[in-house]
Amino acid sequence: MTYDRLVCANCAAPVSEGRCPVCRASRQRLQQDGPFSGLNPTALIALIAVLIAALALVAHQTA
């Protein structure tokens, strides 16, 4: 889930706006979660497709 759709329970504003300290802390934490958290969903799907194609190629060469 991306933080642009989350609503803060503290100030009832979107977390992406960072209106209060709770929003800013949540936004900071969500941006630093993992190595693929900076990728948008399209890029992540493309990466998965490339990996599947590479695995299929390796499986075809070994058979």
N, C-alpha and C. Protein backbone atom coordinates (compact mmCIF):
# COMPACT_ATOMS: atom_id res chain seq x y z
N MET A 1 0.85 -1.18 0.00
CA MET A 1 0.00 0.00 0.00
C MET A 1 0.89 1.23 0.00
N THR A 2 0.48 2.23 -0.71
CA THR A 2 1.24 3.47 -0.75
C THR A 2 0.68 4.45 0.26
N TYR A 3 1.54 5.31 0.75
CA TYR A 3 1.12 6.22 1.80
C TYR A 3 0.23 7.34 1.30
N ASP A 4 0.13 7.55 -0.01
CA ASP A 4 -0.71 8.63 -0.52
C ASP A 4 -2.20 8.35 -0.34
N ARG A 5 -2.57 7.11 -0.03
CA ARG A 5 -3.97 6.78 0.20
C ARG A 5 -4.32 6.65 1.68
N LEU A 6 -3.35 6.74 2.54
CA LEU A 6 -3.60 6.60 3.98
C LEU A 6 -4.10 7.91 4.57
N VAL A 7 -4.98 7.78 5.58
CA VAL A 7 -5.50 8.94 6.30
C VAL A 7 -5.01 8.86 7.74
N CYS A 8 -4.50 9.97 8.25
CA CYS A 8 -3.97 10.02 9.61
C CYS A 8 -5.10 9.99 10.63
N ALA A 9 -4.94 9.18 11.66
CA ALA A 9 -5.93 9.11 12.72
C ALA A 9 -5.82 10.30 13.66
N ASN A 10 -4.69 10.97 13.64
CA ASN A 10 -4.46 12.10 14.54
C ASN A 10 -5.12 13.38 14.02
N CYS A 11 -4.95 13.69 12.73
CA CYS A 11 -5.47 14.95 12.19
C CYS A 11 -6.51 14.76 11.09
N ALA A 12 -6.79 13.53 10.68
CA ALA A 12 -7.78 13.18 9.65
C ALA A 12 -7.43 13.76 8.28
N ALA A 13 -6.18 14.03 8.03
CA ALA A 13 -5.72 14.49 6.72
C ALA A 13 -4.92 13.37 6.06
N PRO A 14 -4.74 13.44 4.75
CA PRO A 14 -3.89 12.43 4.09
C PRO A 14 -2.47 12.45 4.64
N VAL A 15 -1.90 11.28 4.85
CA VAL A 15 -0.55 11.17 5.40
C VAL A 15 0.46 11.82 4.46
N SER A 16 0.19 11.76 3.16
CA SER A 16 1.13 12.32 2.20
C SER A 16 1.30 13.83 2.35
N GLU A 17 0.33 14.52 2.94
CA GLU A 17 0.45 15.96 3.15
C GLU A 17 1.35 16.30 4.33
N GLY A 18 1.44 15.41 5.31
CA GLY A 18 2.32 15.63 6.46
C GLY A 18 1.96 16.84 7.30
N ARG A 19 0.69 16.98 7.63
CA ARG A 19 0.24 18.16 8.38
C ARG A 19 0.67 18.15 9.84
N CYS A 20 0.72 16.98 10.44
CA CYS A 20 1.06 16.91 11.87
C CYS A 20 2.31 16.05 12.06
N PRO A 21 2.90 16.05 13.27
CA PRO A 21 4.10 15.23 13.51
C PRO A 21 3.86 13.73 13.30
N VAL A 22 2.65 13.26 13.59
CA VAL A 22 2.34 11.84 13.39
C VAL A 22 2.37 11.50 11.90
N CYS A 23 1.79 12.37 11.08
CA CYS A 23 1.81 12.17 9.61
C CYS A 23 3.24 12.15 9.09
N ARG A 24 4.03 13.11 9.53
CA ARG A 24 5.41 13.20 9.04
C ARG A 24 6.21 11.97 9.45
N ALA A 25 6.00 11.48 10.67
CA ALA A 25 6.71 10.28 11.12
C ALA A 25 6.28 9.05 10.33
N SER A 26 4.98 8.93 10.07
CA SER A 26 4.48 7.79 9.29
C SER A 26 4.98 7.84 7.86
N ARG A 27 4.98 9.03 7.28
CA ARG A 27 5.46 9.18 5.91
C ARG A 27 6.94 8.80 5.83
N GLN A 28 7.71 9.24 6.80
CA GLN A 28 9.15 8.92 6.83
C GLN A 28 9.37 7.42 6.96
N ARG A 29 8.60 6.77 7.84
CA ARG A 29 8.74 5.33 8.05
C ARG A 29 8.34 4.55 6.81
N LEU A 30 7.25 4.95 6.16
CA LEU A 30 6.80 4.24 4.97
C LEU A 30 7.76 4.40 3.79
N GLN A 31 8.45 5.50 3.72
CA GLN A 31 9.39 5.71 2.63
C GLN A 31 10.66 4.90 2.82
N GLN A 32 10.96 4.48 4.04
CA GLN A 32 12.19 3.76 4.33
C GLN A 32 11.97 2.30 4.67
N ASP A 33 10.81 1.73 4.34
CA ASP A 33 10.49 0.37 4.76
C ASP A 33 11.39 -0.70 4.17
N GLY A 34 11.59 -0.73 2.87
CA GLY A 34 12.36 -1.82 2.29
C GLY A 34 13.06 -1.41 1.02
N PRO A 35 13.79 -2.34 0.44
CA PRO A 35 14.56 -2.01 -0.76
C PRO A 35 13.68 -1.73 -1.98
N PHE A 36 12.47 -2.27 -2.02
CA PHE A 36 11.58 -2.06 -3.15
C PHE A 36 10.46 -1.08 -2.85
N SER A 37 10.51 -0.41 -1.72
CA SER A 37 9.43 0.51 -1.36
C SER A 37 9.42 1.76 -2.22
N GLY A 38 10.55 2.10 -2.83
CA GLY A 38 10.60 3.27 -3.69
C GLY A 38 10.08 3.02 -5.10
N LEU A 39 9.88 1.75 -5.46
CA LEU A 39 9.41 1.43 -6.80
C LEU A 39 7.90 1.60 -6.90
N ASN A 40 7.47 2.12 -8.03
CA ASN A 40 6.03 2.18 -8.23
C ASN A 40 5.53 0.81 -8.66
N PRO A 41 4.24 0.53 -8.58
CA PRO A 41 3.74 -0.81 -8.89
C PRO A 41 4.05 -1.27 -10.31
N THR A 42 4.06 -0.37 -11.28
CA THR A 42 4.36 -0.75 -12.66
C THR A 42 5.80 -1.26 -12.78
N ALA A 43 6.73 -0.56 -12.16
CA ALA A 43 8.12 -0.99 -12.21
C ALA A 43 8.31 -2.32 -11.48
N LEU A 44 7.60 -2.52 -10.40
CA LEU A 44 7.69 -3.78 -9.66
C LEU A 44 7.15 -4.94 -10.49
N ILE A 45 6.05 -4.73 -11.20
CA ILE A 45 5.49 -5.77 -12.06
C ILE A 45 6.45 -6.07 -13.21
N ALA A 46 7.06 -5.04 -13.77
CA ALA A 46 8.04 -5.25 -14.85
C ALA A 46 9.24 -6.05 -14.34
N LEU A 47 9.70 -5.75 -13.14
CA LEU A 47 10.82 -6.49 -12.56
C LEU A 47 10.47 -7.96 -12.35
N ILE A 48 9.28 -8.22 -11.88
CA ILE A 48 8.83 -9.60 -11.68
C ILE A 48 8.73 -10.33 -13.02
N ALA A 49 8.22 -9.64 -14.04
CA ALA A 49 8.10 -10.25 -15.37
C ALA A 49 9.48 -10.60 -15.93
N VAL A 50 10.46 -9.73 -15.75
CA VAL A 50 11.82 -10.01 -16.21
C VAL A 50 12.40 -11.21 -15.47
N LEU A 51 12.17 -11.29 -14.18
CA LEU A 51 12.68 -12.44 -13.41
C LEU A 51 12.04 -13.74 -13.86
N ILE A 52 10.73 -13.71 -14.12
CA ILE A 52 10.04 -14.92 -14.59
C ILE A 52 10.58 -15.33 -15.96
N ALA A 53 10.80 -14.36 -16.83
CA ALA A 53 11.34 -14.67 -18.16
C ALA A 53 12.75 -15.26 -18.04
N ALA A 54 13.55 -14.75 -17.15
CA ALA A 54 14.90 -15.27 -16.94
C ALA A 54 14.85 -16.71 -16.41
N LEU A 55 13.95 -16.97 -15.50
CA LEU A 55 13.81 -18.33 -14.98
C LEU A 55 13.34 -19.29 -16.06
N ALA A 56 12.41 -18.83 -16.91
CA ALA A 56 11.93 -19.68 -18.01
C ALA A 56 13.05 -19.98 -18.98
N LEU A 57 13.90 -19.00 -19.26
CA LEU A 57 15.02 -19.20 -20.16
C LEU A 57 16.02 -20.21 -19.59
N VAL A 58 16.31 -20.10 -18.32
CA VAL A 58 17.23 -21.03 -17.67
C VAL A 58 16.63 -22.44 -17.66
N ALA A 59 15.33 -22.55 -17.37
CA ALA A 59 14.69 -23.86 -17.35
C ALA A 59 14.67 -24.48 -18.75
N HIS A 60 14.48 -23.65 -19.77
CA HIS A 60 14.46 -24.17 -21.16
C HIS A 60 15.84 -24.65 -21.59
N GLN A 61 16.89 -23.98 -21.16
CA GLN A 61 18.25 -24.36 -21.55
C GLN A 61 18.71 -25.63 -20.86
N THR A 62 18.22 -25.88 -19.65
CA THR A 62 18.64 -27.08 -18.91
C THR A 62 17.86 -28.32 -19.36
N ALA A 63 16.74 -28.15 -19.98
CA ALA A 63 15.92 -29.29 -20.39
C ALA A 63 16.32 -29.84 -21.73
